[in-house]
Structures are given as C-alpha cells and as structure tokens.
Protein backbone atom coordinates (compact mmCIF):
# COMPACT_ATOMS: atom_id res chain seq x y z
CA MET A 1 -102.05 125.15 12.20
CA ILE A 2 -102.28 125.50 8.48
CA THR A 3 -99.74 122.74 7.96
CA LYS A 4 -101.75 120.47 10.26
CA ASN A 5 -104.94 121.27 8.37
CA TRP A 6 -103.33 120.61 5.02
CA GLY A 7 -103.32 116.86 5.51
CA SER A 8 -106.39 116.34 7.66
CA VAL A 9 -109.06 118.79 6.63
CA SER A 10 -110.41 116.67 3.81
CA THR A 11 -111.11 113.63 6.00
CA LEU A 12 -114.65 112.42 5.98
CA ARG A 13 -117.06 113.36 8.72
CA GLY A 14 -117.60 109.71 9.52
CA ARG A 15 -113.98 109.19 10.48
CA ALA A 16 -114.15 112.10 12.90
CA ALA A 17 -117.38 110.74 14.35
CA GLN A 18 -115.71 107.40 15.00
CA ARG A 19 -112.82 109.10 16.77
CA LEU A 20 -115.16 111.19 18.92
CA HIS A 21 -117.14 108.13 19.98
CA ARG A 22 -113.94 106.33 20.97
CA LEU A 23 -112.93 109.05 23.42
CA PRO A 24 -112.63 107.85 27.00
CA PRO A 25 -115.76 108.22 29.13
CA ALA A 26 -113.85 110.66 31.36
CA TRP A 27 -114.22 113.31 28.66
CA GLU A 28 -117.09 115.62 29.46
CA PRO A 29 -120.14 115.38 27.18
CA ASP A 30 -119.94 119.15 26.64
CA LEU A 31 -116.46 118.78 25.19
CA ARG A 32 -117.56 115.92 22.95
CA GLN A 33 -120.44 118.04 21.70
CA LEU A 34 -118.14 120.99 21.09
CA GLY A 35 -115.72 118.77 19.16
CA TRP A 36 -118.47 117.38 16.98
CA ARG A 37 -119.92 120.85 16.33
CA ALA A 38 -116.46 122.11 15.35
CA GLN A 39 -115.89 119.13 13.04
CA GLN A 40 -119.18 119.64 11.24
CA ARG A 41 -118.71 123.38 10.83
CA LEU A 42 -115.07 123.27 9.77
CA HIS A 43 -115.64 120.41 7.34
CA GLY A 44 -118.56 122.22 5.68
CA ARG A 45 -116.68 125.49 5.63
CA TYR A 46 -113.68 123.90 3.96
CA ARG A 47 -115.84 122.22 1.33
CA ARG A 48 -117.62 125.47 0.48
CA LEU A 49 -114.46 127.59 0.43
CA SER A 50 -112.36 125.10 -1.54
CA ALA A 51 -115.03 125.10 -4.25
CA LYS A 52 -114.73 128.88 -4.59
CA ARG A 53 -111.07 129.58 -3.80
CA GLU A 54 -107.66 128.03 -3.99
CA ARG A 55 -106.84 125.40 -1.39
CA PRO A 56 -104.28 127.47 0.59
CA GLN A 57 -106.82 130.27 1.09
CA ALA A 58 -109.51 127.82 2.19
CA LEU A 59 -107.11 126.15 4.63
CA THR A 60 -106.08 129.48 6.11
CA ALA A 61 -109.71 130.46 6.73
CA VAL A 62 -110.46 127.09 8.34
CA ALA A 63 -107.32 127.32 10.51
CA ARG A 64 -108.46 130.71 11.79
CA GLU A 65 -111.83 129.27 12.77
CA LEU A 66 -110.10 126.30 14.38
CA CYS A 67 -108.25 128.77 16.61
CA GLY A 68 -111.63 130.03 17.75
CA TYR A 69 -112.72 126.53 18.75
CA ILE A 70 -109.45 125.97 20.58
CA TRP A 71 -110.04 129.21 22.48
CA GLU A 72 -113.59 128.08 23.31
CA ILE A 73 -112.28 124.77 24.71
CA ALA A 74 -109.70 126.63 26.79
CA GLN A 75 -112.44 128.88 28.19
CA TRP A 76 -114.56 125.83 29.05
CA VAL A 77 -111.67 124.12 30.83
CA GLN A 78 -110.93 127.30 32.76
CA ALA A 79 -114.56 127.59 33.85
CA HIS A 80 -114.70 123.92 34.92
CA PRO A 81 -111.43 123.36 36.81
CA HIS A 82 -112.53 120.10 38.45
CA ALA A 83 -113.45 118.52 35.13
CA SER A 84 -109.87 118.90 33.89
CA GLU A 85 -108.48 116.94 36.85
CA VAL A 86 -109.52 113.67 35.22
CA SER A 87 -106.92 112.59 32.71
CA PRO A 88 -108.45 111.86 29.26
CA ALA A 89 -105.86 109.13 28.74
CA SER A 90 -107.10 107.07 31.70
C-alpha cells in the first residue's frame, strides 16, 4: 500500500475526478461517491501531513486511512450482493 501511494498520492484532484467520471455506468452511484469522498479526504490529508512531517510518515498515515476506505467498500459490496453481479468492465 505504501509503495502504491508513493507514486500516486501527489496526483491532482482533477485527474482523479476525470477517472471517476469515466467509470462505466454499471458502477453504483454510492461507490462513485465513496471514491470521490476518499480521494478528497486522502489528498487533503496528505497535503497537510507532508507539510508537517517527512514524506514516508505522511504516506504511511494516508495508506492506513486508505485501508479504511477499502474496508468500507468491501462492507458495501457485502451488503449489496446483487450490485456486485454487474461487471464494472462491461
């Protein structure tokens, strides 16, 4: 997780917004909203922490929060089993 964050955490919010809007329509609006909320929070958190601490510490904190969002998505998918039947790649 931290290695993944190392190269992508500093991307601009606009790039993430473009990616979220290009998701297939089969993706549930709730998941889109969750993704956008996570992007905004994690981006802001990284910017604030990297101003105060060294980059590895900031990335570790953001990676921990990212795990929380991944858990939240897994809980949503588990609660909505029929929504996950539609392949996002279609």
